[in-house]
Amino acid sequence: MRKRTAHRWQLTLIMMAGVFVAVGSFWLVQVVNQAGEEAQADKFRDEPDYIIDRFSTVRMNKNGQPAYIISGDKLTHRPLDDSSLIDKPFVHGLATEQPPMNIHAQTAVVDQGNTRVTLNGNVDVVRPATRQAQELRLKTSTLTVYPDEERMETDAPVEMLVGTSTATGTGMKANNATRQIALGGRGTITMPPRAAH
């Protein structure tokens, strides 16, 4: 009788250990599967949710008037940070109070609720000549534009041409509304001699 009871206890302990091992294995498999699913979801989270070829979009100002047009060869939107990557962007200002600005670059990133555009690669800014002002041209490698505020800035080297005069510097802050440009760092200014009267 004692052997049977001892044998039952051993069998019960072995069965309980087996149940714990089975439950623990099942739990471990579930944890590993869930981690794998989350990793797979994270892998696709940064995938674009839409891509548009040869696009153009008009941004309105606070008064409901067209403020500027952004166009490009391709727009890729990423939902993770609600940013858009643009290939061959072209930004055309439509402000009526100031001469329009035209900006070309290799790429651009639009973020912060479409209020900041960071242009990269051969950035070329042109403000056409008017009766009151000569043509203005800025060249740099990167430029951050805040279209709603009509201002732009960079920390990169800048070359500025106004008519036949040239100025260079490292860093720039410009405000199209006030028509003020400040070049930073050490730079040069080249002005041709005035014509004799």
N, C-alpha and C. Protein backbone atom coordinates (compact mmCIF):
# COMPACT_ATOMS: atom_id res chain seq x y z
N MET A 1 0.82 -1.19 0.00
CA MET A 1 0.00 0.00 0.00
C MET A 1 0.86 1.25 0.00
N ARG A 2 1.97 1.21 0.77
CA ARG A 2 2.84 2.36 0.83
C ARG A 2 3.54 2.57 -0.49
N LYS A 3 3.90 1.48 -1.19
CA LYS A 3 4.55 1.60 -2.47
C LYS A 3 3.63 2.24 -3.48
N ARG A 4 2.36 1.85 -3.45
CA ARG A 4 1.38 2.43 -4.38
C ARG A 4 1.23 3.92 -4.14
N THR A 5 1.15 4.35 -2.88
CA THR A 5 0.99 5.76 -2.56
C THR A 5 2.23 6.54 -2.99
N ALA A 6 3.40 5.97 -2.69
CA ALA A 6 4.65 6.63 -3.09
C ALA A 6 4.73 6.73 -4.60
N HIS A 7 4.30 5.67 -5.28
CA HIS A 7 4.32 5.67 -6.74
C HIS A 7 3.34 6.71 -7.30
N ARG A 8 2.18 6.84 -6.65
CA ARG A 8 1.20 7.84 -7.08
C ARG A 8 1.75 9.25 -6.92
N TRP A 9 2.42 9.50 -5.79
CA TRP A 9 2.99 10.83 -5.57
C TRP A 9 4.06 11.15 -6.62
N GLN A 10 4.89 10.16 -6.92
CA GLN A 10 5.91 10.37 -7.95
C GLN A 10 5.26 10.66 -9.30
N LEU A 11 4.24 9.88 -9.61
CA LEU A 11 3.54 10.06 -10.88
C LEU A 11 2.85 11.43 -10.92
N THR A 12 2.25 11.83 -9.80
CA THR A 12 1.58 13.13 -9.74
C THR A 12 2.59 14.26 -9.91
N LEU A 13 3.74 14.15 -9.23
CA LEU A 13 4.77 15.17 -9.37
C LEU A 13 5.30 15.24 -10.79
N ILE A 14 5.50 14.08 -11.42
CA ILE A 14 5.99 14.06 -12.81
C ILE A 14 4.96 14.69 -13.73
N MET A 15 3.68 14.36 -13.52
CA MET A 15 2.62 14.93 -14.36
C MET A 15 2.51 16.44 -14.16
N MET A 16 2.62 16.90 -12.91
CA MET A 16 2.54 18.34 -12.66
C MET A 16 3.73 19.06 -13.30
N ALA A 17 4.90 18.47 -13.20
CA ALA A 17 6.08 19.06 -13.84
C ALA A 17 5.87 19.11 -15.36
N GLY A 18 5.30 18.04 -15.92
CA GLY A 18 5.02 18.02 -17.36
C GLY A 18 4.02 19.10 -17.75
N VAL A 19 2.99 19.28 -16.92
CA VAL A 19 2.00 20.32 -17.20
C VAL A 19 2.65 21.71 -17.14
N PHE A 20 3.49 21.95 -16.12
CA PHE A 20 4.18 23.24 -16.02
C PHE A 20 5.09 23.48 -17.22
N VAL A 21 5.80 22.43 -17.64
CA VAL A 21 6.69 22.57 -18.81
C VAL A 21 5.86 22.87 -20.06
N ALA A 22 4.72 22.18 -20.22
CA ALA A 22 3.86 22.40 -21.39
C ALA A 22 3.29 23.82 -21.38
N VAL A 23 2.78 24.27 -20.23
CA VAL A 23 2.22 25.61 -20.13
C VAL A 23 3.31 26.65 -20.34
N GLY A 24 4.49 26.43 -19.75
CA GLY A 24 5.60 27.36 -19.93
C GLY A 24 6.04 27.41 -21.38
N SER A 25 6.09 26.28 -22.06
CA SER A 25 6.47 26.25 -23.48
C SER A 25 5.44 26.99 -24.32
N PHE A 26 4.16 26.76 -24.03
CA PHE A 26 3.10 27.44 -24.78
C PHE A 26 3.21 28.95 -24.59
N TRP A 27 3.43 29.38 -23.34
CA TRP A 27 3.57 30.81 -23.05
C TRP A 27 4.77 31.40 -23.78
N LEU A 28 5.90 30.67 -23.76
CA LEU A 28 7.11 31.15 -24.43
C LEU A 28 6.90 31.27 -25.93
N VAL A 29 6.21 30.30 -26.52
CA VAL A 29 5.91 30.36 -27.96
C VAL A 29 5.04 31.57 -28.26
N GLN A 30 4.05 31.85 -27.41
CA GLN A 30 3.18 33.01 -27.61
C GLN A 30 3.97 34.31 -27.52
N VAL A 31 4.86 34.43 -26.55
CA VAL A 31 5.67 35.63 -26.38
C VAL A 31 6.57 35.83 -27.61
N VAL A 32 7.20 34.77 -28.08
CA VAL A 32 8.08 34.87 -29.25
C VAL A 32 7.28 35.26 -30.49
N ASN A 33 6.10 34.64 -30.68
CA ASN A 33 5.26 34.98 -31.83
C ASN A 33 4.80 36.44 -31.79
N GLN A 34 4.40 36.90 -30.61
CA GLN A 34 3.95 38.29 -30.48
C GLN A 34 5.09 39.26 -30.76
N ALA A 35 6.29 38.94 -30.27
CA ALA A 35 7.44 39.80 -30.54
C ALA A 35 7.76 39.81 -32.03
N GLY A 36 7.63 38.66 -32.68
CA GLY A 36 7.87 38.57 -34.13
C GLY A 36 6.85 39.37 -34.91
N GLU A 37 5.58 39.31 -34.51
CA GLU A 37 4.53 40.09 -35.18
C GLU A 37 4.76 41.58 -35.01
N GLU A 38 5.16 42.01 -33.80
CA GLU A 38 5.42 43.42 -33.57
C GLU A 38 6.62 43.89 -34.39
N ALA A 39 7.65 43.05 -34.47
CA ALA A 39 8.82 43.41 -35.27
C ALA A 39 8.44 43.52 -36.75
N GLN A 40 7.58 42.61 -37.20
CA GLN A 40 7.12 42.66 -38.60
C GLN A 40 6.28 43.92 -38.83
N ALA A 41 5.42 44.27 -37.88
CA ALA A 41 4.61 45.49 -38.02
C ALA A 41 5.50 46.73 -38.02
N ASP A 42 6.53 46.75 -37.15
CA ASP A 42 7.46 47.89 -37.12
C ASP A 42 8.22 48.00 -38.43
N LYS A 43 8.52 46.86 -39.02
CA LYS A 43 9.26 46.85 -40.28
C LYS A 43 8.49 47.59 -41.37
N PHE A 44 7.17 47.43 -41.39
CA PHE A 44 6.35 48.05 -42.43
C PHE A 44 5.79 49.41 -42.02
N ARG A 45 5.99 49.80 -40.76
CA ARG A 45 5.42 51.06 -40.29
C ARG A 45 6.02 52.26 -41.02
N ASP A 46 7.31 52.16 -41.42
CA ASP A 46 7.97 53.26 -42.11
C ASP A 46 7.78 53.21 -43.62
N GLU A 47 7.02 52.25 -44.11
CA GLU A 47 6.75 52.16 -45.54
C GLU A 47 5.82 53.30 -45.96
N PRO A 48 6.00 53.85 -47.17
CA PRO A 48 5.10 54.93 -47.62
C PRO A 48 3.67 54.43 -47.79
N ASP A 49 2.71 55.30 -47.49
CA ASP A 49 1.32 54.92 -47.68
C ASP A 49 0.79 55.39 -49.04
N TYR A 50 1.47 56.37 -49.66
CA TYR A 50 1.13 56.70 -51.04
C TYR A 50 2.31 57.38 -51.72
N ILE A 51 2.36 57.21 -53.04
CA ILE A 51 3.39 57.82 -53.89
C ILE A 51 2.68 58.46 -55.07
N ILE A 52 3.04 59.71 -55.37
CA ILE A 52 2.41 60.44 -56.48
C ILE A 52 3.51 60.88 -57.44
N ASP A 53 3.38 60.54 -58.71
CA ASP A 53 4.31 60.98 -59.74
C ASP A 53 3.80 62.27 -60.38
N ARG A 54 4.72 63.17 -60.68
CA ARG A 54 4.43 64.43 -61.37
C ARG A 54 3.22 65.13 -60.73
N PHE A 55 3.44 65.67 -59.56
CA PHE A 55 2.36 66.26 -58.78
C PHE A 55 2.53 67.77 -58.68
N SER A 56 1.48 68.43 -58.26
CA SER A 56 1.49 69.86 -57.98
C SER A 56 0.42 70.13 -56.93
N THR A 57 0.77 70.92 -55.92
CA THR A 57 -0.19 71.24 -54.87
C THR A 57 -0.11 72.73 -54.55
N VAL A 58 -1.25 73.33 -54.25
CA VAL A 58 -1.33 74.76 -53.92
C VAL A 58 -1.62 74.89 -52.43
N ARG A 59 -0.82 75.69 -51.74
CA ARG A 59 -1.04 75.96 -50.32
C ARG A 59 -1.69 77.33 -50.19
N MET A 60 -2.73 77.42 -49.41
CA MET A 60 -3.45 78.68 -49.21
C MET A 60 -2.93 79.39 -47.95
N ASN A 61 -3.06 80.72 -47.94
CA ASN A 61 -2.68 81.47 -46.75
C ASN A 61 -3.88 81.58 -45.80
N LYS A 62 -3.72 82.33 -44.72
CA LYS A 62 -4.79 82.45 -43.71
C LYS A 62 -6.04 83.12 -44.26
N ASN A 63 -5.87 83.95 -45.31
CA ASN A 63 -7.01 84.66 -45.90
C ASN A 63 -7.68 83.87 -47.02
N GLY A 64 -7.22 82.65 -47.25
CA GLY A 64 -7.82 81.82 -48.29
C GLY A 64 -7.30 82.10 -49.69
N GLN A 65 -6.21 82.86 -49.78
CA GLN A 65 -5.60 83.16 -51.07
C GLN A 65 -4.46 82.17 -51.32
N PRO A 66 -4.18 81.85 -52.60
CA PRO A 66 -3.04 80.96 -52.88
C PRO A 66 -1.74 81.60 -52.41
N ALA A 67 -0.94 80.88 -51.65
CA ALA A 67 0.31 81.41 -51.10
C ALA A 67 1.52 80.91 -51.90
N TYR A 68 1.52 79.62 -52.21
CA TYR A 68 2.62 79.07 -52.98
C TYR A 68 2.21 77.74 -53.59
N ILE A 69 2.98 77.32 -54.59
CA ILE A 69 2.76 76.04 -55.26
C ILE A 69 4.02 75.20 -55.05
N ILE A 70 3.83 73.95 -54.66
CA ILE A 70 4.94 73.00 -54.59
C ILE A 70 4.64 71.92 -55.62
N SER A 71 5.60 71.67 -56.50
CA SER A 71 5.45 70.60 -57.49
C SER A 71 6.75 69.81 -57.53
N GLY A 72 6.71 68.66 -58.22
CA GLY A 72 7.91 67.84 -58.32
C GLY A 72 7.68 66.60 -59.15
N ASP A 73 8.76 65.86 -59.36
CA ASP A 73 8.68 64.63 -60.15
C ASP A 73 7.98 63.51 -59.39
N LYS A 74 8.23 63.43 -58.07
CA LYS A 74 7.62 62.36 -57.28
C LYS A 74 7.49 62.78 -55.83
N LEU A 75 6.35 62.45 -55.21
CA LEU A 75 6.11 62.71 -53.80
C LEU A 75 5.86 61.37 -53.11
N THR A 76 6.62 61.10 -52.04
CA THR A 76 6.48 59.88 -51.26
C THR A 76 6.09 60.27 -49.84
N HIS A 77 4.90 59.86 -49.40
CA HIS A 77 4.42 60.22 -48.06
C HIS A 77 4.66 59.08 -47.09
N ARG A 78 5.22 59.41 -45.92
CA ARG A 78 5.47 58.42 -44.86
C ARG A 78 4.54 58.71 -43.68
N PRO A 79 3.64 57.77 -43.37
CA PRO A 79 2.66 58.02 -42.30
C PRO A 79 3.27 58.04 -40.90
N LEU A 80 4.44 57.40 -40.71
CA LEU A 80 5.03 57.30 -39.38
C LEU A 80 5.26 58.68 -38.77
N ASP A 81 5.81 59.62 -39.56
CA ASP A 81 6.04 60.98 -39.06
C ASP A 81 5.29 62.03 -39.88
N ASP A 82 4.39 61.59 -40.75
CA ASP A 82 3.57 62.48 -41.59
C ASP A 82 4.45 63.44 -42.39
N SER A 83 5.56 62.90 -42.93
CA SER A 83 6.44 63.72 -43.76
C SER A 83 6.34 63.27 -45.21
N SER A 84 6.77 64.13 -46.11
CA SER A 84 6.76 63.82 -47.54
C SER A 84 8.13 64.09 -48.11
N LEU A 85 8.63 63.15 -48.91
CA LEU A 85 9.89 63.31 -49.61
C LEU A 85 9.58 63.63 -51.06
N ILE A 86 10.19 64.68 -51.60
CA ILE A 86 9.91 65.12 -52.97
C ILE A 86 11.19 65.04 -53.79
N ASP A 87 11.10 64.43 -54.96
CA ASP A 87 12.20 64.41 -55.92
C ASP A 87 12.03 65.57 -56.89
N LYS A 88 13.11 66.30 -57.14
CA LYS A 88 13.13 67.45 -58.06
C LYS A 88 12.03 68.46 -57.72
N PRO A 89 12.04 68.99 -56.49
CA PRO A 89 10.99 69.93 -56.09
C PRO A 89 11.14 71.30 -56.75
N PHE A 90 10.01 71.96 -56.94
CA PHE A 90 9.96 73.34 -57.42
C PHE A 90 8.94 74.07 -56.55
N VAL A 91 9.39 75.12 -55.87
CA VAL A 91 8.51 75.92 -55.01
C VAL A 91 8.34 77.28 -55.68
N HIS A 92 7.10 77.68 -55.91
CA HIS A 92 6.81 78.96 -56.56
C HIS A 92 5.92 79.77 -55.64
N GLY A 93 6.44 80.91 -55.15
CA GLY A 93 5.67 81.78 -54.27
C GLY A 93 4.64 82.57 -55.05
N LEU A 94 3.48 82.78 -54.46
CA LEU A 94 2.39 83.51 -55.12
C LEU A 94 1.99 84.76 -54.36
N ALA A 95 2.84 85.22 -53.44
CA ALA A 95 2.49 86.42 -52.66
C ALA A 95 2.34 87.61 -53.58
N THR A 96 1.27 88.38 -53.39
CA THR A 96 1.00 89.52 -54.26
C THR A 96 1.76 90.77 -53.82
N GLU A 97 2.14 90.86 -52.53
CA GLU A 97 2.80 92.06 -52.03
C GLU A 97 4.27 92.12 -52.44
N GLN A 98 4.91 90.95 -52.62
CA GLN A 98 6.35 90.88 -52.92
C GLN A 98 6.56 90.13 -54.22
N PRO A 99 7.71 90.32 -54.87
CA PRO A 99 8.01 89.54 -56.07
C PRO A 99 8.02 88.05 -55.73
N PRO A 100 7.54 87.21 -56.64
CA PRO A 100 7.50 85.78 -56.35
C PRO A 100 8.89 85.16 -56.29
N MET A 101 9.06 84.18 -55.43
CA MET A 101 10.32 83.44 -55.32
C MET A 101 10.13 82.10 -56.00
N ASN A 102 11.12 81.67 -56.77
CA ASN A 102 11.13 80.35 -57.38
C ASN A 102 12.33 79.59 -56.85
N ILE A 103 12.09 78.37 -56.35
CA ILE A 103 13.16 77.58 -55.74
C ILE A 103 13.19 76.20 -56.39
N HIS A 104 14.38 75.79 -56.83
CA HIS A 104 14.61 74.45 -57.36
C HIS A 104 15.62 73.73 -56.46
N ALA A 105 15.54 72.39 -56.40
CA ALA A 105 16.52 71.59 -55.66
C ALA A 105 16.46 70.15 -56.17
N GLN A 106 17.35 69.30 -55.65
CA GLN A 106 17.34 67.88 -56.01
C GLN A 106 16.26 67.13 -55.23
N THR A 107 16.19 67.39 -53.91
CA THR A 107 15.19 66.73 -53.06
C THR A 107 14.65 67.72 -52.04
N ALA A 108 13.52 67.38 -51.46
CA ALA A 108 12.94 68.18 -50.38
C ALA A 108 12.19 67.27 -49.42
N VAL A 109 12.16 67.67 -48.16
CA VAL A 109 11.36 66.98 -47.15
C VAL A 109 10.38 68.00 -46.59
N VAL A 110 9.10 67.67 -46.65
CA VAL A 110 8.05 68.55 -46.12
C VAL A 110 7.56 67.92 -44.82
N ASP A 111 7.66 68.65 -43.71
CA ASP A 111 7.21 68.10 -42.43
C ASP A 111 6.62 69.19 -41.56
N GLN A 112 6.38 68.87 -40.30
CA GLN A 112 5.79 69.77 -39.31
C GLN A 112 4.47 70.36 -39.82
N GLY A 113 3.58 69.49 -40.26
CA GLY A 113 2.26 69.94 -40.70
C GLY A 113 2.33 70.80 -41.94
N ASN A 114 3.25 70.49 -42.84
CA ASN A 114 3.43 71.22 -44.10
C ASN A 114 3.85 72.67 -43.89
N THR A 115 4.49 72.97 -42.76
CA THR A 115 4.93 74.35 -42.52
C THR A 115 6.43 74.52 -42.69
N ARG A 116 7.17 73.40 -42.90
CA ARG A 116 8.62 73.48 -43.09
C ARG A 116 9.01 72.62 -44.28
N VAL A 117 9.80 73.20 -45.19
CA VAL A 117 10.31 72.48 -46.35
C VAL A 117 11.83 72.56 -46.29
N THR A 118 12.49 71.40 -46.21
CA THR A 118 13.95 71.35 -46.20
C THR A 118 14.42 70.88 -47.57
N LEU A 119 15.05 71.78 -48.31
CA LEU A 119 15.53 71.48 -49.66
C LEU A 119 17.01 71.11 -49.61
N ASN A 120 17.41 70.12 -50.41
CA ASN A 120 18.79 69.65 -50.42
C ASN A 120 19.27 69.42 -51.84
N GLY A 121 20.54 69.71 -52.07
CA GLY A 121 21.18 69.42 -53.34
C GLY A 121 20.96 70.49 -54.39
N ASN A 122 21.99 71.27 -54.69
CA ASN A 122 21.93 72.31 -55.72
C ASN A 122 20.70 73.21 -55.58
N VAL A 123 20.52 73.77 -54.41
CA VAL A 123 19.36 74.63 -54.17
C VAL A 123 19.59 75.96 -54.90
N ASP A 124 18.62 76.36 -55.70
CA ASP A 124 18.72 77.57 -56.52
C ASP A 124 17.45 78.40 -56.29
N VAL A 125 17.62 79.60 -55.72
CA VAL A 125 16.50 80.49 -55.42
C VAL A 125 16.60 81.70 -56.35
N VAL A 126 15.50 82.01 -57.03
CA VAL A 126 15.50 83.16 -57.95
C VAL A 126 14.31 84.05 -57.64
N ARG A 127 14.58 85.34 -57.45
CA ARG A 127 13.52 86.34 -57.38
C ARG A 127 13.70 87.23 -58.60
N PRO A 128 12.76 87.21 -59.54
CA PRO A 128 12.93 87.97 -60.79
C PRO A 128 13.05 89.47 -60.53
N ALA A 129 13.65 90.15 -61.49
CA ALA A 129 13.80 91.61 -61.40
C ALA A 129 12.44 92.29 -61.49
N THR A 130 12.32 93.41 -60.79
CA THR A 130 11.11 94.23 -60.86
C THR A 130 11.54 95.67 -61.16
N ARG A 131 10.60 96.57 -61.23
CA ARG A 131 10.95 97.99 -61.44
C ARG A 131 11.76 98.55 -60.28
N GLN A 132 11.48 98.04 -59.08
CA GLN A 132 12.14 98.56 -57.89
C GLN A 132 13.42 97.80 -57.53
N ALA A 133 13.61 96.57 -58.02
CA ALA A 133 14.75 95.76 -57.57
C ALA A 133 15.32 94.92 -58.71
N GLN A 134 16.63 94.66 -58.60
CA GLN A 134 17.29 93.80 -59.57
C GLN A 134 16.99 92.34 -59.25
N GLU A 135 17.29 91.46 -60.21
CA GLU A 135 17.10 90.03 -59.97
C GLU A 135 18.01 89.58 -58.83
N LEU A 136 17.46 88.71 -57.98
CA LEU A 136 18.21 88.14 -56.86
C LEU A 136 18.31 86.64 -57.07
N ARG A 137 19.51 86.10 -56.88
CA ARG A 137 19.70 84.66 -57.02
C ARG A 137 20.55 84.16 -55.86
N LEU A 138 20.11 83.09 -55.21
CA LEU A 138 20.84 82.46 -54.11
C LEU A 138 21.15 81.02 -54.50
N LYS A 139 22.38 80.58 -54.21
CA LYS A 139 22.76 79.19 -54.45
C LYS A 139 23.38 78.64 -53.19
N THR A 140 22.94 77.44 -52.79
CA THR A 140 23.45 76.78 -51.60
C THR A 140 23.21 75.28 -51.72
N SER A 141 23.71 74.51 -50.76
CA SER A 141 23.53 73.06 -50.81
C SER A 141 22.29 72.59 -50.04
N THR A 142 21.86 73.36 -49.07
CA THR A 142 20.66 73.01 -48.29
C THR A 142 19.98 74.28 -47.82
N LEU A 143 18.66 74.25 -47.75
CA LEU A 143 17.90 75.43 -47.37
C LEU A 143 16.60 75.00 -46.70
N THR A 144 16.29 75.61 -45.56
CA THR A 144 15.03 75.34 -44.88
C THR A 144 14.10 76.52 -45.11
N VAL A 145 12.93 76.24 -45.67
CA VAL A 145 11.97 77.28 -46.01
C VAL A 145 10.73 77.13 -45.13
N TYR A 146 10.26 78.25 -44.58
CA TYR A 146 9.02 78.30 -43.81
C TYR A 146 8.04 79.13 -44.65
N PRO A 147 7.34 78.50 -45.59
CA PRO A 147 6.53 79.26 -46.56
C PRO A 147 5.45 80.12 -45.92
N ASP A 148 4.81 79.65 -44.86
CA ASP A 148 3.74 80.44 -44.24
C ASP A 148 4.28 81.73 -43.63
N GLU A 149 5.54 81.70 -43.20
CA GLU A 149 6.16 82.87 -42.58
C GLU A 149 7.00 83.67 -43.58
N GLU A 150 7.08 83.19 -44.81
CA GLU A 150 7.86 83.84 -45.87
C GLU A 150 9.32 84.06 -45.47
N ARG A 151 9.91 83.05 -44.82
CA ARG A 151 11.31 83.16 -44.45
C ARG A 151 12.04 81.86 -44.75
N MET A 152 13.38 81.97 -44.87
CA MET A 152 14.20 80.79 -45.13
C MET A 152 15.56 80.98 -44.47
N GLU A 153 16.23 79.84 -44.20
CA GLU A 153 17.52 79.91 -43.53
C GLU A 153 18.37 78.69 -43.86
N THR A 154 19.68 78.85 -43.70
CA THR A 154 20.62 77.75 -43.89
C THR A 154 21.87 78.02 -43.08
N ASP A 155 22.59 76.94 -42.75
CA ASP A 155 23.90 77.04 -42.09
C ASP A 155 25.01 76.77 -43.09
N ALA A 156 24.66 76.42 -44.33
CA ALA A 156 25.64 76.04 -45.35
C ALA A 156 26.19 77.29 -46.06
N PRO A 157 27.29 77.14 -46.79
CA PRO A 157 27.80 78.26 -47.59
C PRO A 157 26.77 78.71 -48.62
N VAL A 158 26.72 80.03 -48.84
CA VAL A 158 25.73 80.64 -49.72
C VAL A 158 26.43 81.57 -50.70
N GLU A 159 25.99 81.55 -51.94
CA GLU A 159 26.42 82.53 -52.92
C GLU A 159 25.20 83.32 -53.35
N MET A 160 25.27 84.64 -53.26
CA MET A 160 24.14 85.49 -53.60
C MET A 160 24.54 86.43 -54.72
N LEU A 161 23.72 86.51 -55.75
CA LEU A 161 23.96 87.43 -56.87
C LEU A 161 22.79 88.40 -56.94
N VAL A 162 23.10 89.69 -56.89
CA VAL A 162 22.09 90.73 -57.04
C VAL A 162 22.54 91.58 -58.22
N GLY A 163 21.83 91.45 -59.32
CA GLY A 163 22.27 92.13 -60.54
C GLY A 163 23.62 91.60 -60.94
N THR A 164 24.64 92.46 -60.96
CA THR A 164 26.00 92.04 -61.30
C THR A 164 26.90 91.97 -60.07
N SER A 165 26.36 92.16 -58.88
CA SER A 165 27.12 92.08 -57.63
C SER A 165 27.00 90.68 -57.04
N THR A 166 28.08 90.25 -56.38
CA THR A 166 28.11 88.91 -55.78
C THR A 166 28.49 89.02 -54.31
N ALA A 167 27.85 88.23 -53.46
CA ALA A 167 28.21 88.15 -52.04
C ALA A 167 28.21 86.68 -51.64
N THR A 168 29.16 86.30 -50.78
CA THR A 168 29.20 84.93 -50.28
C THR A 168 29.28 84.97 -48.76
N GLY A 169 28.87 83.89 -48.13
CA GLY A 169 28.93 83.78 -46.69
C GLY A 169 28.61 82.36 -46.28
N THR A 170 28.74 82.08 -44.99
CA THR A 170 28.38 80.77 -44.46
C THR A 170 27.19 80.97 -43.53
N GLY A 171 26.05 80.48 -43.95
CA GLY A 171 24.81 80.68 -43.21
C GLY A 171 24.07 81.89 -43.75
N MET A 172 22.75 81.81 -43.66
CA MET A 172 21.92 82.90 -44.16
C MET A 172 20.55 82.85 -43.51
N LYS A 173 19.99 84.02 -43.28
CA LYS A 173 18.59 84.14 -42.86
C LYS A 173 17.96 85.17 -43.78
N ALA A 174 16.81 84.82 -44.35
CA ALA A 174 16.14 85.74 -45.28
C ALA A 174 14.67 85.80 -44.96
N ASN A 175 14.09 86.99 -45.13
CA ASN A 175 12.67 87.20 -44.92
C ASN A 175 12.13 87.89 -46.17
N ASN A 176 11.31 87.18 -46.93
CA ASN A 176 10.78 87.74 -48.18
C ASN A 176 9.76 88.84 -47.90
N ALA A 177 9.05 88.78 -46.78
CA ALA A 177 8.05 89.79 -46.47
C ALA A 177 8.70 91.15 -46.23
N THR A 178 9.83 91.15 -45.51
CA THR A 178 10.52 92.41 -45.23
C THR A 178 11.65 92.68 -46.22
N ARG A 179 11.94 91.72 -47.08
CA ARG A 179 13.00 91.79 -48.09
C ARG A 179 14.37 92.01 -47.45
N GLN A 180 14.59 91.33 -46.31
CA GLN A 180 15.88 91.42 -45.63
C GLN A 180 16.61 90.09 -45.73
N ILE A 181 17.91 90.15 -46.02
CA ILE A 181 18.76 88.97 -46.10
C ILE A 181 19.99 89.24 -45.26
N ALA A 182 20.35 88.29 -44.39
CA ALA A 182 21.55 88.40 -43.57
C ALA A 182 22.43 87.20 -43.84
N LEU A 183 23.63 87.43 -44.37
CA LEU A 183 24.61 86.37 -44.57
C LEU A 183 25.46 86.25 -43.32
N GLY A 184 25.83 85.02 -42.96
CA GLY A 184 26.62 84.81 -41.75
C GLY A 184 28.06 84.45 -42.07
N GLY A 185 28.87 84.37 -41.03
CA GLY A 185 30.26 83.95 -41.17
C GLY A 185 31.10 84.92 -41.98
N ARG A 186 32.30 84.47 -42.29
CA ARG A 186 33.19 85.29 -43.12
C ARG A 186 32.79 85.12 -44.57
N GLY A 187 32.80 86.19 -45.31
CA GLY A 187 32.40 86.12 -46.70
C GLY A 187 33.05 87.20 -47.53
N THR A 188 32.62 87.31 -48.75
CA THR A 188 33.15 88.32 -49.66
C THR A 188 32.01 89.02 -50.37
N ILE A 189 32.26 90.25 -50.80
CA ILE A 189 31.32 91.01 -51.62
C ILE A 189 32.09 91.53 -52.82
N THR A 190 31.58 91.28 -54.00
CA THR A 190 32.20 91.77 -55.22
C THR A 190 31.20 92.65 -55.94
N MET A 191 31.57 93.93 -56.12
CA MET A 191 30.69 94.87 -56.81
C MET A 191 31.43 95.46 -57.99
N PRO A 192 30.83 95.45 -59.17
CA PRO A 192 31.50 96.05 -60.32
C PRO A 192 31.54 97.57 -60.17
N PRO A 193 32.51 98.23 -60.82
CA PRO A 193 32.58 99.68 -60.71
C PRO A 193 31.36 100.33 -61.37
N ARG A 194 30.99 101.48 -60.83
CA ARG A 194 29.85 102.20 -61.41
C ARG A 194 30.26 102.80 -62.75
N ALA A 195 29.30 102.83 -63.62
CA ALA A 195 29.56 103.44 -64.94
C ALA A 195 29.71 104.95 -64.79
N ALA A 196 30.64 105.51 -65.55
CA ALA A 196 30.85 106.96 -65.48
C ALA A 196 29.70 107.68 -66.17
N HIS A 197 29.33 108.86 -65.65
CA HIS A 197 28.20 109.63 -66.23
C HIS A 197 28.71 110.58 -67.24
